[in-house]
C-alpha atoms as a PDB file:
ATOM      1  CA  MET A   1       0.000   0.000   0.000  1.00  0.00           C
ATOM      2  CA  ILE A   2       1.322   3.451  -0.841  1.00  0.00           C
ATOM      3  CA  THR A   3       2.021   5.530   2.268  1.00  0.00           C
ATOM      4  CA  LEU A   4       0.822   9.006   3.185  1.00  0.00           C
ATOM      5  CA  ALA A   5       4.361  10.386   2.987  1.00  0.00           C
ATOM      6  CA  GLU A   6       4.765   8.957  -0.520  1.00  0.00           C
ATOM      7  CA  GLU A   7       1.498  10.519  -1.653  1.00  0.00           C
ATOM      8  CA  LEU A   8       2.415  13.911  -0.180  1.00  0.00           C
ATOM      9  CA  THR A   9       5.736  13.739  -2.016  1.00  0.00           C
ATOM     10  CA  LEU A  10       3.941  12.996  -5.269  1.00  0.00           C
ATOM     11  CA  LEU A  11       1.825  16.119  -4.773  1.00  0.00           C
ATOM     12  CA  ALA A  12       5.071  18.118  -4.931  1.00  0.00           C
ATOM     13  CA  ILE A  13       5.982  16.734  -8.373  1.00  0.00           C
ATOM     14  CA  GLU A  14       4.409  18.248 -11.473  1.00  0.00           C
ATOM     15  CA  ASP A  15       2.915  16.100 -14.224  1.00  0.00           C
ATOM     16  CA  ASP A  16       5.913  16.895 -16.452  1.00  0.00           C
ATOM     17  CA  GLY A  17       8.364  15.769 -13.787  1.00  0.00           C
ATOM     18  CA  ALA A  18       9.355  19.217 -12.569  1.00  0.00           C
ATOM     19  CA  ILE A  19       9.576  19.841  -8.829  1.00  0.00           C
ATOM     20  CA  ALA A  20       6.689  22.050  -7.696  1.00  0.00           C
ATOM     21  CA  TYR A  21       7.526  25.205  -5.749  1.00  0.00           C
ATOM     22  CA  THR A  22       5.465  23.835  -2.862  1.00  0.00           C
ATOM     23  CA  ALA A  23       8.287  21.350  -2.104  1.00  0.00           C
ATOM     24  CA  GLY A  24      10.365  24.323  -0.969  1.00  0.00           C
ATOM     25  CA  GLN A  25       7.940  25.339   1.753  1.00  0.00           C
ATOM     26  CA  VAL A  26       8.771  24.444   5.351  1.00  0.00           C
ATOM     27  CA  GLY A  27       5.275  23.049   5.754  1.00  0.00           C
ATOM     28  CA  PHE A  28       5.998  20.355   3.174  1.00  0.00           C
ATOM     29  CA  GLY A  29       8.695  18.756   5.306  1.00  0.00           C
ATOM     30  CA  MET A  30       6.634  19.024   8.466  1.00  0.00           C
ATOM     31  CA  SER A  31       3.694  17.389   6.750  1.00  0.00           C
ATOM     32  CA  LEU A  32       5.980  14.470   5.825  1.00  0.00           C
ATOM     33  CA  THR A  33       7.068  13.939   9.431  1.00  0.00           C
ATOM     34  CA  ALA A  34       3.451  14.145  10.557  1.00  0.00           C
ATOM     35  CA  ALA A  35       2.526  11.575   7.895  1.00  0.00           C
ATOM     36  CA  CYS A  36       5.117   9.216   9.381  1.00  0.00           C
ATOM     37  CA  LEU A  37       3.541   9.654  12.810  1.00  0.00           C
ATOM     38  CA  VAL A  38       0.116   8.842  11.348  1.00  0.00           C
ATOM     39  CA  GLU A  39       1.510   5.676   9.738  1.00  0.00           C
ATOM     40  CA  LEU A  40       3.257   4.603  12.948  1.00  0.00           C
ATOM     41  CA  ASN A  41       0.011   5.159  14.816  1.00  0.00           C
ATOM     42  CA  SER A  42      -1.964   3.064  12.336  1.00  0.00           C
ATOM     43  CA  ARG A  43       0.626   0.262  12.556  1.00  0.00           C
ATOM     44  CA  GLY A  44       0.388   0.112  16.335  1.00  0.00           C
ATOM     45  CA  ARG A  45       3.860   1.475  17.084  1.00  0.00           C
ATOM     46  CA  ILE A  46       2.686   4.693  18.772  1.00  0.00           C
ATOM     47  CA  ASP A  47      -0.424   6.239  20.246  1.00  0.00           C
ATOM     48  CA  ALA A  48      -0.992   9.982  20.109  1.00  0.00           C
ATOM     49  CA  ASP A  49      -3.328  11.933  22.364  1.00  0.00           C
ATOM     50  CA  LEU A  50      -3.693  15.595  23.257  1.00  0.00           C
ATOM     51  CA  ALA A  51      -0.850  15.410  25.761  1.00  0.00           C
ATOM     52  CA  ALA A  52       1.863  13.350  24.100  1.00  0.00           C
ATOM     53  CA  VAL A  53       3.010  10.673  21.683  1.00  0.00           C
ATOM     54  CA  HIS A  54       3.376   7.326  23.493  1.00  0.00           C
ATOM     55  CA  ILE A  55       5.522   4.419  22.296  1.00  0.00           C
ATOM     56  CA  LEU A  56       3.559   1.159  22.140  1.00  0.00           C
ATOM     57  CA  SER A  57       6.081  -1.017  20.309  1.00  0.00           C
ATOM     58  CA  ARG A  58       9.727  -0.644  19.245  1.00  0.00           C
ATOM     59  CA  GLU A  59       9.439  -3.405  16.646  1.00  0.00           C
ATOM     60  CA  PRO A  60      10.648  -2.102  13.246  1.00  0.00           C
ATOM     61  CA  THR A  61       8.019  -1.736  10.522  1.00  0.00           C
ATOM     62  CA  GLY A  62      10.351  -2.698   7.683  1.00  0.00           C
ATOM     63  CA  ASP A  63       9.813   0.708   6.079  1.00  0.00           C
ATOM     64  CA  PRO A  64      13.140   2.639   6.323  1.00  0.00           C
ATOM     65  CA  MET A  65      11.411   6.013   6.537  1.00  0.00           C
ATOM     66  CA  LEU A  66       9.043   4.990   9.326  1.00  0.00           C
ATOM     67  CA  ASP A  67      11.770   3.158  11.200  1.00  0.00           C
ATOM     68  CA  LEU A  68      13.979   6.263  11.088  1.00  0.00           C
ATOM     69  CA  VAL A  69      11.243   8.252  12.814  1.00  0.00           C
ATOM     70  CA  LEU A  70      10.458   5.412  15.230  1.00  0.00           C
ATOM     71  CA  SER A  71      14.121   5.207  16.275  1.00  0.00           C
ATOM     72  CA  SER A  72      14.074   8.939  17.086  1.00  0.00           C
ATOM     73  CA  LEU A  73      10.993   8.534  19.247  1.00  0.00           C
ATOM     74  CA  THR A  74      12.294   5.461  21.073  1.00  0.00           C
ATOM     75  CA  GLY A  75      14.019   6.231  24.361  1.00  0.00           C
ATOM     76  CA  ALA A  76      13.230   9.941  24.212  1.00  0.00           C
ATOM     77  CA  ALA A  77      11.053  11.835  26.654  1.00  0.00           C
ATOM     78  CA  GLU A  78       7.387  11.944  25.683  1.00  0.00           C
ATOM     79  CA  GLN A  79       6.366  15.064  23.809  1.00  0.00           C
ATOM     80  CA  SER A  80       3.288  16.360  22.033  1.00  0.00           C
ATOM     81  CA  VAL A  81       2.735  15.847  18.317  1.00  0.00           C
ATOM     82  CA  GLU A  82       3.528  19.516  17.730  1.00  0.00           C
ATOM     83  CA  GLN A  83       6.855  19.245  19.562  1.00  0.00           C
ATOM     84  CA  TRP A  84       7.845  16.078  17.705  1.00  0.00           C
ATOM     85  CA  VAL A  85       7.042  17.547  14.291  1.00  0.00           C
ATOM     86  CA  LEU A  86       9.310  20.490  15.126  1.00  0.00           C
ATOM     87  CA  GLN A  87      12.066  18.311  16.589  1.00  0.00           C
ATOM     88  CA  LEU A  88      12.103  15.917  13.625  1.00  0.00           C
ATOM     89  CA  SER A  89      12.612  18.739  11.098  1.00  0.00           C
ATOM     90  CA  PRO A  90      16.363  18.047  10.661  1.00  0.00           C
ATOM     91  CA  GLN A  91      15.470  14.580   9.344  1.00  0.00           C
ATOM     92  CA  VAL A  92      13.327  15.931   6.502  1.00  0.00           C
ATOM     93  CA  PRO A  93      16.034  15.719   3.772  1.00  0.00           C
ATOM     94  CA  GLU A  94      16.646  12.051   4.592  1.00  0.00           C
ATOM     95  CA  LEU A  95      12.911  11.347   4.740  1.00  0.00           C
ATOM     96  CA  VAL A  96      12.465  12.904   1.288  1.00  0.00           C
ATOM     97  CA  ARG A  97      15.379  10.860  -0.084  1.00  0.00           C
ATOM     98  CA  LEU A  98      13.928   7.631   1.290  1.00  0.00           C
ATOM     99  CA  THR A  99      10.446   8.474   0.028  1.00  0.00           C
ATOM    100  CA  LEU A 100      11.610   9.231  -3.503  1.00  0.00           C
ATOM    101  CA  GLY A 101      13.699   6.063  -3.506  1.00  0.00           C
ATOM    102  CA  ALA A 102      10.657   4.026  -2.516  1.00  0.00           C
ATOM    103  CA  LEU A 103       8.544   5.607  -5.275  1.00  0.00           C
ATOM    104  CA  VAL A 104      11.202   4.796  -7.876  1.00  0.00           C
ATOM    105  CA  SER A 105      11.557   1.212  -6.634  1.00  0.00           C
ATOM    106  CA  ARG A 106       7.762   0.753  -6.754  1.00  0.00           C
ATOM    107  CA  GLY A 107       7.676   1.798 -10.410  1.00  0.00           C
ATOM    108  CA  ILE A 108       5.654   4.959  -9.774  1.00  0.00           C
ATOM    109  CA  LEU A 109       8.436   7.404 -10.638  1.00  0.00           C
ATOM    110  CA  ALA A 110      11.528   7.157 -12.838  1.00  0.00           C
ATOM    111  CA  LEU A 111      14.524   9.446 -12.324  1.00  0.00           C
ATOM    112  CA  ARG A 112      15.771  11.094 -15.526  1.00  0.00           C
ATOM    113  CA  GLU A 113      18.493  13.686 -14.990  1.00  0.00           C
ATOM    114  CA  THR A 114      16.791  16.408 -12.894  1.00  0.00           C
ATOM    115  CA  ARG A 115      13.221  15.156 -13.266  1.00  0.00           C
ATOM    116  CA  PHE A 116      11.117  12.476 -11.631  1.00  0.00           C
ATOM    117  CA  LEU A 117       8.940  11.219 -14.463  1.00  0.00           C
ATOM    118  CA  TRP A 118       5.623   9.539 -13.767  1.00  0.00           C
ATOM    119  CA  VAL A 119       5.494   5.922 -14.928  1.00  0.00           C
ATOM    120  CA  MET A 120       1.763   6.104 -15.548  1.00  0.00           C
ATOM    121  CA  LYS A 121      -0.460   6.383 -18.597  1.00  0.00           C
ATOM    122  CA  GLU A 122      -3.473   7.248 -16.442  1.00  0.00           C
ATOM    123  CA  ARG A 123      -3.952   8.887 -13.079  1.00  0.00           C
ATOM    124  CA  ARG A 124      -3.695   5.535 -11.339  1.00  0.00           C
ATOM    125  CA  TYR A 125      -0.802   3.995  -9.490  1.00  0.00           C
ATOM    126  CA  PRO A 126       0.601   0.712 -10.764  1.00  0.00           C
ATOM    127  CA  VAL A 127      -0.981  -2.303  -9.095  1.00  0.00           C
ATOM    128  CA  ILE A 128       0.517  -2.607  -5.593  1.00  0.00           C
ATOM    129  CA  GLU A 129      -0.281  -5.595  -3.376  1.00  0.00           C
ATOM    130  CA  GLY A 130      -3.009  -6.642  -5.798  1.00  0.00           C
ATOM    131  CA  LYS A 131      -4.790  -3.293  -5.650  1.00  0.00           C
ATOM    132  CA  GLU A 132      -5.080  -0.379  -8.051  1.00  0.00           C
ATOM    133  CA  ARG A 133      -6.081   3.102  -6.899  1.00  0.00           C
ATOM    134  CA  LYS A 134      -6.383   6.600  -8.288  1.00  0.00           C
ATOM    135  CA  GLU A 135      -3.453   8.866  -7.528  1.00  0.00           C
ATOM    136  CA  ALA A 136      -3.560  11.372  -4.689  1.00  0.00           C
ATOM    137  CA  LYS A 137      -4.257  14.575  -6.608  1.00  0.00           C
ATOM    138  CA  LEU A 138      -7.321  13.139  -8.322  1.00  0.00           C
ATOM    139  CA  ARG A 139      -8.668  11.655  -5.078  1.00  0.00           C
ATOM    140  CA  ILE A 140      -8.260  14.983  -3.284  1.00  0.00           C
ATOM    141  CA  LEU A 141     -10.155  16.804  -6.023  1.00  0.00           C
ATOM    142  CA  GLU A 142     -12.957  14.220  -5.982  1.00  0.00           C
ATOM    143  CA  THR A 143     -13.155  14.457  -2.190  1.00  0.00           C
ATOM    144  CA  LEU A 144     -13.302  18.256  -2.115  1.00  0.00           C
ATOM    145  CA  LEU A 145     -15.756  18.575  -5.004  1.00  0.00           C
ATOM    146  CA  GLY A 146     -18.014  15.751  -3.808  1.00  0.00           C
ATOM    147  CA  GLU A 147     -20.112  15.152  -0.729  1.00  0.00           C
ATOM    148  CA  ASP A 148     -19.207  11.568   0.114  1.00  0.00           C
ATOM    149  CA  LEU A 149     -17.351  10.768   3.322  1.00  0.00           C
ATOM    150  CA  PRO A 150     -13.698  10.057   2.415  1.00  0.00           C
ATOM    151  CA  THR A 151     -11.654   7.179   3.784  1.00  0.00           C
ATOM    152  CA  PRO A 152      -9.591   7.856   6.931  1.00  0.00           C
ATOM    153  CA  HIS A 153      -6.451   7.774   4.738  1.00  0.00           C
ATOM    154  CA  ASP A 154      -7.819  10.432   2.391  1.00  0.00           C
ATOM    155  CA  THR A 155      -9.082  12.545   5.297  1.00  0.00           C
ATOM    156  CA  VAL A 156      -5.548  12.765   6.675  1.00  0.00           C
ATOM    157  CA  LEU A 157      -4.115  13.263   3.174  1.00  0.00           C
ATOM    158  CA  VAL A 158      -6.300  16.339   2.647  1.00  0.00           C
ATOM    159  CA  GLY A 159      -5.449  17.681   6.098  1.00  0.00           C
ATOM    160  CA  LEU A 160      -1.686  17.296   5.662  1.00  0.00           C
ATOM    161  CA  ALA A 161      -1.792  18.626   2.096  1.00  0.00           C
ATOM    162  CA  ARG A 162      -3.533  21.730   3.406  1.00  0.00           C
ATOM    163  CA  ALA A 163      -1.189  22.105   6.380  1.00  0.00           C
ATOM    164  CA  GLY A 164       1.888  21.668   4.195  1.00  0.00           C
ATOM    165  CA  GLY A 165       0.772  24.166   1.566  1.00  0.00           C
ATOM    166  CA  LEU A 166       0.554  21.472  -1.106  1.00  0.00           C
ATOM    167  CA  LEU A 167      -2.978  22.294  -2.253  1.00  0.00           C
ATOM    168  CA  GLU A 168      -1.611  25.532  -3.732  1.00  0.00           C
ATOM    169  CA  GLY A 169       0.356  23.444  -6.209  1.00  0.00           C
ATOM    170  CA  PHE A 170      -2.743  22.357  -8.127  1.00  0.00           C
ATOM    171  CA  LEU A 171      -5.617  24.561  -6.903  1.00  0.00           C
ATOM    172  CA  SER A 172      -5.884  28.306  -7.441  1.00  0.00           C
ATOM    173  CA  THR A 173      -6.246  30.727  -4.540  1.00  0.00           C
ATOM    174  CA  ALA A 174      -9.854  31.339  -5.585  1.00  0.00           C
ATOM    175  CA  GLU A 175     -10.610  27.604  -5.650  1.00  0.00           C
ATOM    176  CA  ILE A 176      -9.088  27.068  -2.211  1.00  0.00           C
ATOM    177  CA  HIS A 177     -11.120  29.970  -0.839  1.00  0.00           C
ATOM    178  CA  ARG A 178     -14.317  28.583  -2.403  1.00  0.00           C
ATOM    179  CA  LEU A 179     -13.642  25.124  -0.983  1.00  0.00           C
ATOM    180  CA  GLU A 180     -12.427  26.362   2.402  1.00  0.00           C
ATOM    181  CA  THR A 181     -15.402  25.015   4.356  1.00  0.00           C
ATOM    182  CA  ARG A 182     -15.182  21.577   2.739  1.00  0.00           C
ATOM    183  CA  ILE A 183     -11.403  21.453   3.233  1.00  0.00           C
ATOM    184  CA  GLY A 184     -11.859  22.223   6.914  1.00  0.00           C
ATOM    185  CA  GLU A 185     -14.620  19.656   7.327  1.00  0.00           C
ATOM    186  CA  VAL A 186     -12.633  16.898   5.658  1.00  0.00           C
ATOM    187  CA  GLY A 187      -9.080  17.679   6.689  1.00  0.00           C
ATOM    188  CA  GLY A 188      -9.389  19.087  10.198  1.00  0.00           C
ATOM    189  CA  ILE A 189     -10.420  15.940  12.043  1.00  0.00           C
ATOM    190  CA  ASP A 190      -7.228  14.046  12.805  1.00  0.00           C
ATOM    191  CA  LEU A 191      -5.307  14.896  15.998  1.00  0.00           C
ATOM    192  CA  ILE A 192      -1.889  14.450  14.356  1.00  0.00           C
ATOM    193  CA  VAL A 193      -2.913  16.765  11.506  1.00  0.00           C
ATOM    194  CA  ARG A 194      -3.874  19.411  14.060  1.00  0.00           C
ATOM    195  CA  GLY A 195      -0.511  18.941  15.756  1.00  0.00           C
ATOM    196  CA  ALA A 196       1.262  19.426  12.423  1.00  0.00           C
ATOM    197  CA  GLU A 197      -0.720  22.616  11.792  1.00  0.00           C
ATOM    198  CA  ALA A 198       0.311  23.949  15.206  1.00  0.00           C
ATOM    199  CA  ALA A 199       3.976  23.085  14.541  1.00  0.00           C
ATOM    200  CA  ILE A 200       3.936  24.868  11.180  1.00  0.00           C
ATOM    201  CA  ARG A 201       2.373  27.966  12.760  1.00  0.00           C
ATOM    202  CA  GLU A 202       4.999  27.947  15.530  1.00  0.00           C
ATOM    203  CA  ASP A 203       7.822  27.605  12.997  1.00  0.00           C
ATOM    204  CA  GLN A 204       6.432  30.488  10.953  1.00  0.00           C
ATOM    205  CA  ALA A 205       6.098  32.602  14.098  1.00  0.00           C
ATOM    206  CA  ALA A 206       9.707  31.846  15.069  1.00  0.00           C
ATOM    207  CA  ARG A 207      10.911  32.846  11.598  1.00  0.00           C
ATOM    208  CA  ALA A 208       8.885  36.056  11.800  1.00  0.00           C
ATOM    209  CA  ARG A 209      10.428  36.920  15.156  1.00  0.00           C
ATOM    210  CA  ALA A 210      13.906  36.243  13.783  1.00  0.00           C
ATOM    211  CA  VAL A 211      13.267  38.655  10.925  1.00  0.00           C
ATOM    212  CA  MET A 212      11.633  41.462  12.909  1.00  0.00           C
ATOM    213  CA  LEU A 213      13.170  41.541  16.383  1.00  0.00           C
ATOM    214  CA  PRO A 214      16.865  41.989  15.436  1.00  0.00           C
ATOM    215  CA  MET A 215      15.897  45.310  13.852  1.00  0.00           C
ATOM    216  CA  TYR A 216      15.359  46.849  17.320  1.00  0.00           C
END
């Protein structure tokens, strides 16, 4: 099954293989770390509540990206989701490298010089574990433009795509404004997503202070 982090990474790659400007936003990396926490939660390695992230099992998942995050959590003092998303930021380059490597090995992307080309004739991923599914961008659009209740996976995908600024890569400002209520309804449910949003706001606030305060 394709992971949340892999799908978020794909949202930052244009159809022609170019890297979207949204990959350069701090929120993109933080959304990836939050996606890893969601996956670890769903695989029974951690439990997240309003107070902290709790380790339930140290057993490796077999996914290098998830195990990198799990190893950072193991043995450390318990912290909130927001604090972990901020603390894991230095690992973002390695997480991106591992994610892109996984997408290439799965036959979803192919690396050609400076571009990651899609190995797809349609907006569907290759068959993985006997299943075929529409790619993330199309599922997000169908979710936001429809009224059906999305799957838990797609609910978190929308929430992290919004938090990470990835929706701006394929929706106009006017479209995002028009769909704001639906985006909030769909993507604002998950506790880890809310923690990622808080971490991104805190990071932005810290950057703003660094810019403004030294002037006085």
